[in-house]
Amino acid sequence: MPTYHYRCKNCQYDFTEQQSFNDDPITVCPRCGQAQIRKIFSAVPIEFKGHGFYRTDSGSHSSSSSK
């Protein structure tokens, strides 16, 4: 289940909540009760694993011709 980060614009309360994709977003602050909640979006770290992500892994290797 994804975890979402929320912040209240009224009281600045920050919290995270695990929600299903089918759940409605939270709109009311659990601390002050105002409908001032906004989702906070942040960059997601990316990890490249496996073959093909490095210069030495991509393309065909040509053999050097002997003279």
N, C-alpha and C. Protein backbone atom coordinates (compact mmCIF):
# COMPACT_ATOMS: atom_id res chain seq x y z
N MET A 1 0.84 -1.18 0.00
CA MET A 1 0.00 0.00 0.00
C MET A 1 0.89 1.24 0.00
N PRO A 2 0.58 2.23 -0.85
CA PRO A 2 1.39 3.44 -0.91
C PRO A 2 1.25 4.30 0.34
N THR A 3 2.29 5.02 0.66
CA THR A 3 2.29 5.97 1.77
C THR A 3 2.27 7.38 1.20
N TYR A 4 1.36 8.21 1.67
CA TYR A 4 1.22 9.58 1.19
C TYR A 4 1.57 10.55 2.31
N HIS A 5 2.17 11.66 1.93
CA HIS A 5 2.58 12.71 2.87
C HIS A 5 1.60 13.88 2.72
N TYR A 6 1.05 14.33 3.84
CA TYR A 6 0.09 15.43 3.84
C TYR A 6 0.58 16.55 4.76
N ARG A 7 0.11 17.78 4.48
CA ARG A 7 0.39 18.93 5.34
C ARG A 7 -0.85 19.82 5.37
N CYS A 8 -1.19 20.28 6.57
CA CYS A 8 -2.32 21.19 6.75
C CYS A 8 -1.84 22.62 6.51
N LYS A 9 -2.57 23.33 5.67
CA LYS A 9 -2.21 24.73 5.39
C LYS A 9 -2.61 25.64 6.55
N ASN A 10 -3.51 25.18 7.40
CA ASN A 10 -3.97 26.00 8.52
C ASN A 10 -3.01 25.93 9.71
N CYS A 11 -2.69 24.70 10.18
CA CYS A 11 -1.87 24.56 11.39
C CYS A 11 -0.48 23.99 11.11
N GLN A 12 -0.15 23.75 9.82
CA GLN A 12 1.16 23.23 9.39
C GLN A 12 1.46 21.82 9.90
N TYR A 13 0.45 21.06 10.27
CA TYR A 13 0.63 19.69 10.75
C TYR A 13 1.06 18.80 9.58
N ASP A 14 2.20 18.10 9.72
CA ASP A 14 2.71 17.15 8.72
C ASP A 14 2.42 15.74 9.20
N PHE A 15 1.92 14.90 8.30
CA PHE A 15 1.71 13.50 8.66
C PHE A 15 1.72 12.64 7.41
N THR A 16 1.96 11.35 7.61
CA THR A 16 1.91 10.39 6.51
C THR A 16 0.81 9.39 6.79
N GLU A 17 0.26 8.85 5.72
CA GLU A 17 -0.85 7.92 5.85
C GLU A 17 -0.74 6.86 4.76
N GLN A 18 -0.89 5.59 5.15
CA GLN A 18 -0.93 4.51 4.16
C GLN A 18 -2.36 4.40 3.66
N GLN A 19 -2.52 4.47 2.35
CA GLN A 19 -3.84 4.41 1.75
C GLN A 19 -3.81 3.55 0.51
N SER A 20 -4.91 2.91 0.23
CA SER A 20 -5.08 2.16 -1.01
C SER A 20 -5.25 3.15 -2.15
N PHE A 21 -4.99 2.69 -3.37
CA PHE A 21 -5.21 3.55 -4.53
C PHE A 21 -6.68 3.92 -4.68
N ASN A 22 -7.56 3.10 -4.15
CA ASN A 22 -9.00 3.34 -4.27
C ASN A 22 -9.54 4.26 -3.18
N ASP A 23 -8.76 4.53 -2.13
CA ASP A 23 -9.22 5.40 -1.04
C ASP A 23 -9.27 6.86 -1.51
N ASP A 24 -10.23 7.59 -0.97
CA ASP A 24 -10.30 9.02 -1.24
C ASP A 24 -9.17 9.73 -0.51
N PRO A 25 -8.64 10.80 -1.08
CA PRO A 25 -7.58 11.54 -0.38
C PRO A 25 -8.13 12.19 0.89
N ILE A 26 -7.27 12.38 1.86
CA ILE A 26 -7.66 13.02 3.12
C ILE A 26 -7.83 14.51 2.85
N THR A 27 -8.91 15.09 3.33
CA THR A 27 -9.17 16.52 3.10
C THR A 27 -9.32 17.32 4.39
N VAL A 28 -9.54 16.63 5.53
CA VAL A 28 -9.73 17.31 6.81
C VAL A 28 -8.56 16.98 7.72
N CYS A 29 -7.98 18.00 8.32
CA CYS A 29 -6.84 17.84 9.21
C CYS A 29 -7.25 17.11 10.49
N PRO A 30 -6.51 16.04 10.85
CA PRO A 30 -6.85 15.32 12.07
C PRO A 30 -6.53 16.11 13.34
N ARG A 31 -5.71 17.13 13.24
CA ARG A 31 -5.34 17.92 14.43
C ARG A 31 -6.29 19.11 14.65
N CYS A 32 -6.47 19.95 13.62
CA CYS A 32 -7.29 21.16 13.83
C CYS A 32 -8.70 21.06 13.27
N GLY A 33 -8.97 20.04 12.43
CA GLY A 33 -10.32 19.83 11.90
C GLY A 33 -10.68 20.68 10.70
N GLN A 34 -9.74 21.47 10.20
CA GLN A 34 -10.02 22.32 9.04
C GLN A 34 -9.80 21.55 7.74
N ALA A 35 -10.52 21.92 6.72
CA ALA A 35 -10.39 21.28 5.40
C ALA A 35 -9.29 21.99 4.61
N GLN A 36 -8.09 21.94 5.14
CA GLN A 36 -6.95 22.63 4.52
C GLN A 36 -5.78 21.69 4.23
N ILE A 37 -6.06 20.40 4.05
CA ILE A 37 -5.02 19.39 3.82
C ILE A 37 -4.62 19.37 2.36
N ARG A 38 -3.31 19.29 2.13
CA ARG A 38 -2.77 19.15 0.78
C ARG A 38 -1.77 18.01 0.76
N LYS A 39 -1.76 17.25 -0.34
CA LYS A 39 -0.75 16.21 -0.52
C LYS A 39 0.58 16.87 -0.85
N ILE A 40 1.65 16.34 -0.27
CA ILE A 40 3.00 16.83 -0.54
C ILE A 40 3.66 15.83 -1.47
N PHE A 41 4.15 16.31 -2.60
CA PHE A 41 4.82 15.46 -3.57
C PHE A 41 6.32 15.72 -3.49
N SER A 42 7.09 14.65 -3.55
CA SER A 42 8.54 14.79 -3.50
C SER A 42 9.17 13.84 -4.52
N ALA A 43 10.42 14.08 -4.81
CA ALA A 43 11.13 13.25 -5.77
C ALA A 43 11.32 11.84 -5.22
N VAL A 44 11.20 10.87 -6.08
CA VAL A 44 11.38 9.48 -5.70
C VAL A 44 12.77 9.04 -6.13
N PRO A 45 13.53 8.44 -5.22
CA PRO A 45 14.86 7.98 -5.62
C PRO A 45 14.77 6.84 -6.63
N ILE A 46 15.69 6.82 -7.55
CA ILE A 46 15.72 5.78 -8.59
C ILE A 46 17.01 5.00 -8.45
N GLU A 47 16.88 3.69 -8.47
CA GLU A 47 18.06 2.81 -8.45
C GLU A 47 18.09 2.03 -9.74
N PHE A 48 19.21 2.08 -10.44
CA PHE A 48 19.39 1.30 -11.65
C PHE A 48 20.14 0.04 -11.28
N LYS A 49 19.48 -1.09 -11.46
CA LYS A 49 20.10 -2.38 -11.14
C LYS A 49 20.09 -3.26 -12.38
N GLY A 50 21.06 -4.12 -12.46
CA GLY A 50 21.09 -5.07 -13.56
C GLY A 50 21.96 -4.60 -14.71
N HIS A 51 21.89 -5.33 -15.80
CA HIS A 51 22.72 -5.03 -16.96
C HIS A 51 22.08 -3.97 -17.83
N GLY A 52 22.92 -3.20 -18.54
CA GLY A 52 22.43 -2.22 -19.49
C GLY A 52 22.41 -0.80 -18.98
N PHE A 53 22.83 -0.56 -17.75
CA PHE A 53 22.77 0.79 -17.20
C PHE A 53 24.12 1.49 -17.17
N TYR A 54 25.15 0.80 -17.61
CA TYR A 54 26.48 1.39 -17.59
C TYR A 54 27.03 1.41 -19.01
N ARG A 55 27.96 2.29 -19.27
CA ARG A 55 28.54 2.42 -20.60
C ARG A 55 29.14 1.10 -21.07
N THR A 56 29.76 0.36 -20.16
CA THR A 56 30.39 -0.91 -20.53
C THR A 56 29.38 -2.02 -20.76
N ASP A 57 28.12 -1.83 -20.36
CA ASP A 57 27.11 -2.87 -20.52
C ASP A 57 26.31 -2.74 -21.81
N SER A 58 26.30 -1.57 -22.42
CA SER A 58 25.42 -1.36 -23.57
C SER A 58 26.15 -1.55 -24.89
N GLY A 59 25.40 -1.87 -25.91
CA GLY A 59 25.96 -2.00 -27.25
C GLY A 59 26.74 -3.28 -27.44
N SER A 60 27.10 -3.52 -28.66
CA SER A 60 27.88 -4.71 -28.95
C SER A 60 29.35 -4.36 -28.83
N HIS A 61 30.12 -5.32 -28.39
CA HIS A 61 31.55 -5.13 -28.26
C HIS A 61 32.22 -5.57 -29.56
N SER A 62 32.96 -4.68 -30.16
CA SER A 62 33.66 -5.06 -31.39
C SER A 62 35.06 -5.52 -31.02
N SER A 63 35.47 -6.59 -31.65
CA SER A 63 36.82 -7.08 -31.38
C SER A 63 37.81 -6.30 -32.22
N SER A 64 38.96 -6.06 -31.68
CA SER A 64 39.98 -5.30 -32.41
C SER A 64 40.59 -6.21 -33.46
N SER A 65 40.77 -5.65 -34.62
CA SER A 65 41.34 -6.45 -35.71
C SER A 65 42.87 -6.44 -35.60
N SER A 66 43.48 -7.55 -35.86
CA SER A 66 44.94 -7.62 -35.80
C SER A 66 45.53 -7.27 -37.14
N LYS A 67 46.64 -6.57 -37.15
CA LYS A 67 47.28 -6.16 -38.40
C LYS A 67 48.43 -7.01 -38.73
